[in-house]
PDB file of all heavy atoms in Angstrom:
ATOM      1  N   ILE A   1       0.853  -1.173   0.000  1.00  0.00           N
ATOM      2  CA  ILE A   1       0.000   0.000   0.000  1.00  0.00           C
ATOM      3  C   ILE A   1       0.897   1.234   0.000  1.00  0.00           C
ATOM      4  O   ILE A   1       2.043   1.171   0.452  1.00  0.00           O
ATOM      5  CB  ILE A   1      -0.969   0.058   1.207  1.00  0.00           C
ATOM      6  CG1 ILE A   1      -0.197   0.107   2.531  1.00  0.00           C
ATOM      7  CG2 ILE A   1      -1.943  -1.107   1.181  1.00  0.00           C
ATOM      8  CD1 ILE A   1      -1.093   0.348   3.749  1.00  0.00           C
ATOM      9  N   PHE A   2       0.373   2.351  -0.525  1.00  0.00           N
ATOM     10  CA  PHE A   2       1.125   3.599  -0.520  1.00  0.00           C
ATOM     11  C   PHE A   2       0.262   4.669   0.123  1.00  0.00           C
ATOM     12  O   PHE A   2      -0.868   4.914  -0.310  1.00  0.00           O
ATOM     13  CB  PHE A   2       1.512   4.030  -1.939  1.00  0.00           C
ATOM     14  CG  PHE A   2       2.423   5.225  -1.980  1.00  0.00           C
ATOM     15  CD1 PHE A   2       3.797   5.059  -1.824  1.00  0.00           C
ATOM     16  CD2 PHE A   2       1.921   6.504  -2.152  1.00  0.00           C
ATOM     17  CE1 PHE A   2       4.648   6.159  -1.850  1.00  0.00           C
ATOM     18  CE2 PHE A   2       2.758   7.607  -2.181  1.00  0.00           C
ATOM     19  CZ  PHE A   2       4.129   7.428  -2.024  1.00  0.00           C
ATOM     20  N   CYS A   3       0.781   5.291   1.177  1.00  0.00           N
ATOM     21  CA  CYS A   3       0.063   6.336   1.902  1.00  0.00           C
ATOM     22  C   CYS A   3       0.643   7.682   1.481  1.00  0.00           C
ATOM     23  O   CYS A   3       1.785   8.010   1.818  1.00  0.00           O
ATOM     24  CB  CYS A   3       0.211   6.129   3.407  1.00  0.00           C
ATOM     25  SG  CYS A   3      -0.426   4.522   3.953  1.00  0.00           S
ATOM     26  N   GLU A   4      -0.153   8.439   0.737  1.00  0.00           N
ATOM     27  CA  GLU A   4       0.386   9.630   0.081  1.00  0.00           C
ATOM     28  C   GLU A   4       0.741  10.741   1.071  1.00  0.00           C
ATOM     29  O   GLU A   4       1.717  11.464   0.871  1.00  0.00           O
ATOM     30  CB  GLU A   4      -0.613  10.147  -0.953  1.00  0.00           C
ATOM     31  CG  GLU A   4       0.010  11.109  -1.921  1.00  0.00           C
ATOM     32  CD  GLU A   4      -0.737  11.172  -3.225  1.00  0.00           C
ATOM     33  OE1 GLU A   4      -1.925  10.830  -3.254  1.00  0.00           O
ATOM     34  OE2 GLU A   4      -0.124  11.590  -4.228  1.00  0.00           O
ATOM     35  N   GLN A   5      -0.020  10.893   2.129  1.00  0.00           N
ATOM     36  CA  GLN A   5       0.252  11.976   3.071  1.00  0.00           C
ATOM     37  C   GLN A   5       1.636  11.848   3.695  1.00  0.00           C
ATOM     38  O   GLN A   5       2.354  12.828   3.864  1.00  0.00           O
ATOM     39  CB  GLN A   5      -0.818  12.003   4.157  1.00  0.00           C
ATOM     40  CG  GLN A   5      -0.634  13.161   5.136  1.00  0.00           C
ATOM     41  CD  GLN A   5      -1.800  13.301   6.089  1.00  0.00           C
ATOM     42  OE1 GLN A   5      -2.862  12.730   5.886  1.00  0.00           O
ATOM     43  NE2 GLN A   5      -1.615  14.069   7.150  1.00  0.00           N
ATOM     44  N   SER A   6       2.025  10.616   4.010  1.00  0.00           N
ATOM     45  CA  SER A   6       3.338  10.380   4.619  1.00  0.00           C
ATOM     46  C   SER A   6       4.382   9.941   3.605  1.00  0.00           C
ATOM     47  O   SER A   6       5.555   9.764   3.960  1.00  0.00           O
ATOM     48  CB  SER A   6       3.221   9.316   5.712  1.00  0.00           C
ATOM     49  OG  SER A   6       2.705   8.114   5.172  1.00  0.00           O
ATOM     50  N   GLN A   7       3.967   9.754   2.323  1.00  0.00           N
ATOM     51  CA  GLN A   7       4.868   9.278   1.273  1.00  0.00           C
ATOM     52  C   GLN A   7       5.518   7.948   1.667  1.00  0.00           C
ATOM     53  O   GLN A   7       6.705   7.711   1.400  1.00  0.00           O
ATOM     54  CB  GLN A   7       5.949  10.327   0.960  1.00  0.00           C
ATOM     55  CG  GLN A   7       5.401  11.632   0.425  1.00  0.00           C
ATOM     56  CD  GLN A   7       4.792  11.495  -0.958  1.00  0.00           C
ATOM     57  OE1 GLN A   7       5.501  11.264  -1.930  1.00  0.00           O
ATOM     58  NE2 GLN A   7       3.478  11.609  -1.049  1.00  0.00           N
ATOM     59  N   LEU A   8       4.731   7.092   2.310  1.00  0.00           N
ATOM     60  CA  LEU A   8       5.260   5.841   2.830  1.00  0.00           C
ATOM     61  C   LEU A   8       4.703   4.654   2.049  1.00  0.00           C
ATOM     62  O   LEU A   8       3.482   4.514   1.899  1.00  0.00           O
ATOM     63  CB  LEU A   8       4.904   5.685   4.307  1.00  0.00           C
ATOM     64  CG  LEU A   8       5.701   4.625   5.082  1.00  0.00           C
ATOM     65  CD1 LEU A   8       7.144   5.101   5.293  1.00  0.00           C
ATOM     66  CD2 LEU A   8       5.054   4.331   6.431  1.00  0.00           C
ATOM     67  N   LEU A   9       5.609   3.844   1.528  1.00  0.00           N
ATOM     68  CA  LEU A   9       5.255   2.568   0.916  1.00  0.00           C
ATOM     69  C   LEU A   9       5.377   1.492   1.984  1.00  0.00           C
ATOM     70  O   LEU A   9       6.411   1.381   2.646  1.00  0.00           O
ATOM     71  CB  LEU A   9       6.188   2.254  -0.248  1.00  0.00           C
ATOM     72  CG  LEU A   9       5.964   0.899  -0.932  1.00  0.00           C
ATOM     73  CD1 LEU A   9       4.653   0.882  -1.719  1.00  0.00           C
ATOM     74  CD2 LEU A   9       7.149   0.553  -1.836  1.00  0.00           C
ATOM     75  N   ILE A  10       4.318   0.696   2.174  1.00  0.00           N
ATOM     76  CA  ILE A  10       4.310  -0.341   3.201  1.00  0.00           C
ATOM     77  C   ILE A  10       4.125  -1.702   2.543  1.00  0.00           C
ATOM     78  O   ILE A  10       3.309  -1.849   1.624  1.00  0.00           O
ATOM     79  CB  ILE A  10       3.188  -0.105   4.231  1.00  0.00           C
ATOM     80  CG1 ILE A  10       3.349   1.269   4.891  1.00  0.00           C
ATOM     81  CG2 ILE A  10       3.184  -1.188   5.300  1.00  0.00           C
ATOM     82  CD1 ILE A  10       2.224   1.627   5.838  1.00  0.00           C
ATOM     83  N   ALA A  11       4.880  -2.681   3.014  1.00  0.00           N
ATOM     84  CA  ALA A  11       4.769  -4.050   2.519  1.00  0.00           C
ATOM     85  C   ALA A  11       4.373  -4.981   3.654  1.00  0.00           C
ATOM     86  O   ALA A  11       4.981  -4.953   4.728  1.00  0.00           O
ATOM     87  CB  ALA A  11       6.095  -4.513   1.916  1.00  0.00           C
ATOM     88  N   GLY A  12       3.354  -5.799   3.408  1.00  0.00           N
ATOM     89  CA  GLY A  12       3.065  -6.933   4.261  1.00  0.00           C
ATOM     90  C   GLY A  12       3.786  -8.122   3.660  1.00  0.00           C
ATOM     91  O   GLY A  12       3.623  -8.415   2.462  1.00  0.00           O
ATOM     92  N   ALA A  13       4.605  -8.800   4.442  1.00  0.00           N
ATOM     93  CA  ALA A  13       5.525  -9.777   3.870  1.00  0.00           C
ATOM     94  C   ALA A  13       5.536 -11.082   4.656  1.00  0.00           C
ATOM     95  O   ALA A  13       4.830 -11.244   5.645  1.00  0.00           O
ATOM     96  CB  ALA A  13       6.930  -9.171   3.806  1.00  0.00           C
ATOM     97  N   GLU A  14       6.365 -12.004   4.184  1.00  0.00           N
ATOM     98  CA  GLU A  14       6.443 -13.339   4.794  1.00  0.00           C
ATOM     99  C   GLU A  14       6.898 -13.281   6.245  1.00  0.00           C
ATOM    100  O   GLU A  14       6.512 -14.118   7.055  1.00  0.00           O
ATOM    101  CB  GLU A  14       7.414 -14.217   3.998  1.00  0.00           C
ATOM    102  CG  GLU A  14       6.902 -14.658   2.643  1.00  0.00           C
ATOM    103  CD  GLU A  14       5.934 -15.826   2.721  1.00  0.00           C
ATOM    104  OE1 GLU A  14       5.580 -16.235   3.835  1.00  0.00           O
ATOM    105  OE2 GLU A  14       5.531 -16.319   1.649  1.00  0.00           O
ATOM    106  N   ARG A  15       7.719 -12.277   6.582  1.00  0.00           N
ATOM    107  CA  ARG A  15       8.264 -12.228   7.935  1.00  0.00           C
ATOM    108  C   ARG A  15       8.070 -10.858   8.571  1.00  0.00           C
ATOM    109  O   ARG A  15       8.945 -10.386   9.298  1.00  0.00           O
ATOM    110  CB  ARG A  15       9.751 -12.607   7.923  1.00  0.00           C
ATOM    111  CG  ARG A  15      10.033 -14.014   7.404  1.00  0.00           C
ATOM    112  CD  ARG A  15      11.464 -14.451   7.708  1.00  0.00           C
ATOM    113  NE  ARG A  15      12.460 -13.540   7.161  1.00  0.00           N
ATOM    114  CZ  ARG A  15      12.935 -13.605   5.921  1.00  0.00           C
ATOM    115  NH1 ARG A  15      12.479 -14.514   5.085  1.00  0.00           N
ATOM    116  NH2 ARG A  15      13.869 -12.754   5.507  1.00  0.00           N
ATOM    117  N   GLY A  16       6.935 -10.221   8.308  1.00  0.00           N
ATOM    118  CA  GLY A  16       6.674  -8.969   8.987  1.00  0.00           C
ATOM    119  C   GLY A  16       6.073  -7.898   8.104  1.00  0.00           C
ATOM    120  O   GLY A  16       5.612  -8.163   6.989  1.00  0.00           O
ATOM    121  N   CYS A  17       6.125  -6.666   8.611  1.00  0.00           N
ATOM    122  CA  CYS A  17       5.522  -5.519   7.935  1.00  0.00           C
ATOM    123  C   CYS A  17       6.476  -4.335   8.060  1.00  0.00           C
ATOM    124  O   CYS A  17       6.868  -3.968   9.176  1.00  0.00           O
ATOM    125  CB  CYS A  17       4.169  -5.202   8.585  1.00  0.00           C
ATOM    126  SG  CYS A  17       3.201  -3.940   7.765  1.00  0.00           S
ATOM    127  N   VAL A  18       6.868  -3.758   6.913  1.00  0.00           N
ATOM    128  CA  VAL A  18       7.866  -2.694   6.925  1.00  0.00           C
ATOM    129  C   VAL A  18       7.447  -1.578   5.983  1.00  0.00           C
ATOM    130  O   VAL A  18       6.592  -1.753   5.106  1.00  0.00           O
ATOM    131  CB  VAL A  18       9.262  -3.213   6.519  1.00  0.00           C
ATOM    132  CG1 VAL A  18       9.803  -4.195   7.545  1.00  0.00           C
ATOM    133  CG2 VAL A  18       9.210  -3.859   5.132  1.00  0.00           C
ATOM    134  N   GLY A  19       8.080  -0.408   6.153  1.00  0.00           N
ATOM    135  CA  GLY A  19       7.760   0.729   5.309  1.00  0.00           C
ATOM    136  C   GLY A  19       8.988   1.522   4.912  1.00  0.00           C
ATOM    137  O   GLY A  19       9.996   1.539   5.628  1.00  0.00           O
ATOM    138  N   TRP A  20       8.881   2.199   3.761  1.00  0.00           N
ATOM    139  CA  TRP A  20       9.951   3.041   3.250  1.00  0.00           C
ATOM    140  C   TRP A  20       9.368   4.378   2.815  1.00  0.00           C
ATOM    141  O   TRP A  20       8.300   4.437   2.191  1.00  0.00           O
ATOM    142  CB  TRP A  20      10.631   2.421   2.023  1.00  0.00           C
ATOM    143  CG  TRP A  20      11.116   1.022   2.202  1.00  0.00           C
ATOM    144  CD1 TRP A  20      12.355   0.612   2.567  1.00  0.00           C
ATOM    145  CD2 TRP A  20      10.344  -0.170   1.996  1.00  0.00           C
ATOM    146  NE1 TRP A  20      12.428  -0.754   2.599  1.00  0.00           N
ATOM    147  CE2 TRP A  20      11.201  -1.267   2.257  1.00  0.00           C
ATOM    148  CE3 TRP A  20       9.026  -0.425   1.624  1.00  0.00           C
ATOM    149  CZ2 TRP A  20      10.778  -2.581   2.153  1.00  0.00           C
ATOM    150  CZ3 TRP A  20       8.592  -1.741   1.528  1.00  0.00           C
ATOM    151  CH2 TRP A  20       9.467  -2.801   1.786  1.00  0.00           C
ATOM    152  N   VAL A  21      10.060   5.442   3.094  1.00  0.00           N
ATOM    153  CA  VAL A  21       9.666   6.746   2.579  1.00  0.00           C
ATOM    154  C   VAL A  21      10.093   6.818   1.114  1.00  0.00           C
ATOM    155  O   VAL A  21      11.276   6.674   0.793  1.00  0.00           O
ATOM    156  CB  VAL A  21      10.321   7.892   3.374  1.00  0.00           C
ATOM    157  CG1 VAL A  21       9.992   9.241   2.742  1.00  0.00           C
ATOM    158  CG2 VAL A  21       9.851   7.853   4.827  1.00  0.00           C
ATOM    159  N   VAL A  22       9.111   6.999   0.235  1.00  0.00           N
ATOM    160  CA  VAL A  22       9.384   7.099  -1.199  1.00  0.00           C
ATOM    161  C   VAL A  22       8.820   8.440  -1.664  1.00  0.00           C
ATOM    162  O   VAL A  22       7.689   8.540  -2.138  1.00  0.00           O
ATOM    163  CB  VAL A  22       8.747   5.936  -1.980  1.00  0.00           C
ATOM    164  CG1 VAL A  22       9.112   6.019  -3.459  1.00  0.00           C
ATOM    165  CG2 VAL A  22       9.201   4.594  -1.401  1.00  0.00           C
ATOM    166  N   ALA A  23       9.609   9.489  -1.502  1.00  0.00           N
ATOM    167  CA  ALA A  23       9.152  10.856  -1.786  1.00  0.00           C
ATOM    168  C   ALA A  23       9.538  11.276  -3.199  1.00  0.00           C
ATOM    169  O   ALA A  23      10.429  10.701  -3.826  1.00  0.00           O
ATOM    170  CB  ALA A  23       9.747  11.813  -0.759  1.00  0.00           C
ATOM    171  N   ASP A  24       8.858  12.310  -3.681  1.00  0.00           N
ATOM    172  CA  ASP A  24       9.175  12.931  -4.975  1.00  0.00           C
ATOM    173  C   ASP A  24       9.201  11.912  -6.110  1.00  0.00           C
ATOM    174  O   ASP A  24      10.101  11.914  -6.957  1.00  0.00           O
ATOM    175  CB  ASP A  24      10.519  13.662  -4.906  1.00  0.00           C
ATOM    176  CG  ASP A  24      10.528  14.753  -3.848  1.00  0.00           C
ATOM    177  OD1 ASP A  24       9.496  15.430  -3.706  1.00  0.00           O
ATOM    178  OD2 ASP A  24      11.552  14.905  -3.164  1.00  0.00           O
ATOM    179  N   CYS A  25       8.198  11.042  -6.127  1.00  0.00           N
ATOM    180  CA  CYS A  25       8.135  10.017  -7.177  1.00  0.00           C
ATOM    181  C   CYS A  25       8.071  10.646  -8.567  1.00  0.00           C
ATOM    182  O   CYS A  25       8.581  10.076  -9.546  1.00  0.00           O
ATOM    183  CB  CYS A  25       6.917   9.119  -6.966  1.00  0.00           C
ATOM    184  SG  CYS A  25       7.051   8.029  -5.534  1.00  0.00           S
ATOM    185  N   HIS A  26       7.455  11.821  -8.667  1.00  0.00           N
ATOM    186  CA  HIS A  26       7.284  12.470  -9.971  1.00  0.00           C
ATOM    187  C   HIS A  26       8.617  12.885 -10.586  1.00  0.00           C
ATOM    188  O   HIS A  26       8.708  13.089 -11.805  1.00  0.00           O
ATOM    189  CB  HIS A  26       6.384  13.705  -9.824  1.00  0.00           C
ATOM    190  CG  HIS A  26       6.949  14.756  -8.926  1.00  0.00           C
ATOM    191  ND1 HIS A  26       6.848  14.675  -7.541  1.00  0.00           N
ATOM    192  CD2 HIS A  26       7.629  15.902  -9.190  1.00  0.00           C
ATOM    193  CE1 HIS A  26       7.434  15.738  -7.007  1.00  0.00           C
ATOM    194  NE2 HIS A  26       7.910  16.497  -7.981  1.00  0.00           N
ATOM    195  N   SER A  27       9.655  13.020  -9.768  1.00  0.00           N
ATOM    196  CA  SER A  27      10.950  13.490 -10.271  1.00  0.00           C
ATOM    197  C   SER A  27      11.897  12.343 -10.622  1.00  0.00           C
ATOM    198  O   SER A  27      12.981  12.585 -11.148  1.00  0.00           O
ATOM    199  CB  SER A  27      11.617  14.401  -9.229  1.00  0.00           C
ATOM    200  OG  SER A  27      11.932  13.662  -8.053  1.00  0.00           O
ATOM    201  N   LEU A  28      11.494  11.119 -10.360  1.00  0.00           N
ATOM    202  CA  LEU A  28      12.358   9.983 -10.652  1.00  0.00           C
ATOM    203  C   LEU A  28      12.373   9.691 -12.150  1.00  0.00           C
ATOM    204  O   LEU A  28      11.374   9.863 -12.842  1.00  0.00           O
ATOM    205  CB  LEU A  28      11.878   8.739  -9.897  1.00  0.00           C
ATOM    206  CG  LEU A  28      11.927   8.813  -8.364  1.00  0.00           C
ATOM    207  CD1 LEU A  28      11.266   7.595  -7.750  1.00  0.00           C
ATOM    208  CD2 LEU A  28      13.367   8.938  -7.872  1.00  0.00           C
ATOM    209  N   THR A  29      13.501   9.244 -12.653  1.00  0.00           N
ATOM    210  CA  THR A  29      13.625   8.887 -14.065  1.00  0.00           C
ATOM    211  C   THR A  29      14.165   7.467 -14.182  1.00  0.00           C
ATOM    212  O   THR A  29      14.937   7.010 -13.329  1.00  0.00           O
ATOM    213  CB  THR A  29      14.570   9.851 -14.799  1.00  0.00           C
ATOM    214  OG1 THR A  29      15.847   9.860 -14.120  1.00  0.00           O
ATOM    215  CG2 THR A  29      13.998  11.248 -14.817  1.00  0.00           C
ATOM    216  N   PRO A  30      13.764   6.740 -15.238  1.00  0.00           N
ATOM    217  CA  PRO A  30      14.231   5.356 -15.400  1.00  0.00           C
ATOM    218  C   PRO A  30      15.736   5.289 -15.635  1.00  0.00           C
ATOM    219  O   PRO A  30      16.280   6.042 -16.441  1.00  0.00           O
ATOM    220  CB  PRO A  30      13.466   4.863 -16.632  1.00  0.00           C
ATOM    221  CG  PRO A  30      12.355   5.839 -16.833  1.00  0.00           C
ATOM    222  CD  PRO A  30      12.841   7.136 -16.294  1.00  0.00           C
ATOM    223  N   VAL A  31      16.400   4.409 -14.924  1.00  0.00           N
ATOM    224  CA  VAL A  31      17.839   4.176 -15.126  1.00  0.00           C
ATOM    225  C   VAL A  31      18.104   2.678 -15.036  1.00  0.00           C
ATOM    226  O   VAL A  31      17.472   1.969 -14.258  1.00  0.00           O
ATOM    227  CB  VAL A  31      18.696   4.923 -14.071  1.00  0.00           C
ATOM    228  CG1 VAL A  31      18.693   6.414 -14.335  1.00  0.00           C
ATOM    229  CG2 VAL A  31      18.214   4.653 -12.666  1.00  0.00           C
ATOM    230  N   ARG A  32      19.043   2.231 -15.847  1.00  0.00           N
ATOM    231  CA  ARG A  32      19.326   0.798 -15.886  1.00  0.00           C
ATOM    232  C   ARG A  32      19.850   0.304 -14.540  1.00  0.00           C
ATOM    233  O   ARG A  32      19.536  -0.800 -14.101  1.00  0.00           O
ATOM    234  CB  ARG A  32      20.335   0.495 -17.001  1.00  0.00           C
ATOM    235  CG  ARG A  32      20.567  -0.995 -17.213  1.00  0.00           C
ATOM    236  CD  ARG A  32      21.273  -1.233 -18.532  1.00  0.00           C
ATOM    237  NE  ARG A  32      20.473  -0.780 -19.659  1.00  0.00           N
ATOM    238  CZ  ARG A  32      19.496  -1.495 -20.194  1.00  0.00           C
ATOM    239  NH1 ARG A  32      19.188  -2.673 -19.695  1.00  0.00           N
ATOM    240  NH2 ARG A  32      18.814  -1.028 -21.220  1.00  0.00           N
ATOM    241  N   ARG A  33      20.639   1.119 -13.880  1.00  0.00           N
ATOM    242  CA  ARG A  33      21.144   0.752 -12.558  1.00  0.00           C
ATOM    243  C   ARG A  33      20.522   1.690 -11.517  1.00  0.00           C
ATOM    244  O   ARG A  33      21.176   2.583 -10.996  1.00  0.00           O
ATOM    245  CB  ARG A  33      22.669   0.823 -12.519  1.00  0.00           C
ATOM    246  CG  ARG A  33      23.354  -0.184 -13.441  1.00  0.00           C
ATOM    247  CD  ARG A  33      24.851  -0.192 -13.260  1.00  0.00           C
ATOM    248  NE  ARG A  33      25.503  -1.175 -14.098  1.00  0.00           N
ATOM    249  CZ  ARG A  33      25.643  -2.452 -13.787  1.00  0.00           C
ATOM    250  NH1 ARG A  33      25.161  -2.908 -12.635  1.00  0.00           N
ATOM    251  NH2 ARG A  33      26.261  -3.281 -14.609  1.00  0.00           N
ATOM    252  N   ALA A  34      19.253   1.465 -11.262  1.00  0.00           N
ATOM    253  CA  ALA A  34      18.523   2.323 -10.337  1.00  0.00           C
ATOM    254  C   ALA A  34      19.082   2.180  -8.925  1.00  0.00           C
ATOM    255  O   ALA A  34      19.615   1.135  -8.537  1.00  0.00           O
ATOM    256  CB  ALA A  34      17.041   1.960 -10.351  1.00  0.00           C
ATOM    257  N   LYS A  35      18.947   3.258  -8.172  1.00  0.00           N
ATOM    258  CA  LYS A  35      19.359   3.241  -6.773  1.00  0.00           C
ATOM    259  C   LYS A  35      18.602   2.158  -6.013  1.00  0.00           C
ATOM    260  O   LYS A  35      17.396   1.961  -6.205  1.00  0.00           O
ATOM    261  CB  LYS A  35      19.077   4.596  -6.143  1.00  0.00           C
ATOM    262  CG  LYS A  35      19.340   4.661  -4.649  1.00  0.00           C
ATOM    263  CD  LYS A  35      18.890   5.988  -4.063  1.00  0.00           C
ATOM    264  CE  LYS A  35      19.045   6.001  -2.553  1.00  0.00           C
ATOM    265  NZ  LYS A  35      18.540   7.279  -1.966  1.00  0.00           N
TER     266      LYS A  35
END
């Protein structure tokens, strides 16, 4: 799920639940060796 107010991507997974801040998605560009 992605919560726009906090810019947080959350994953429910095999061994828990974690989140990452993924801000400024509109400014990202495709790269072969992405960060």
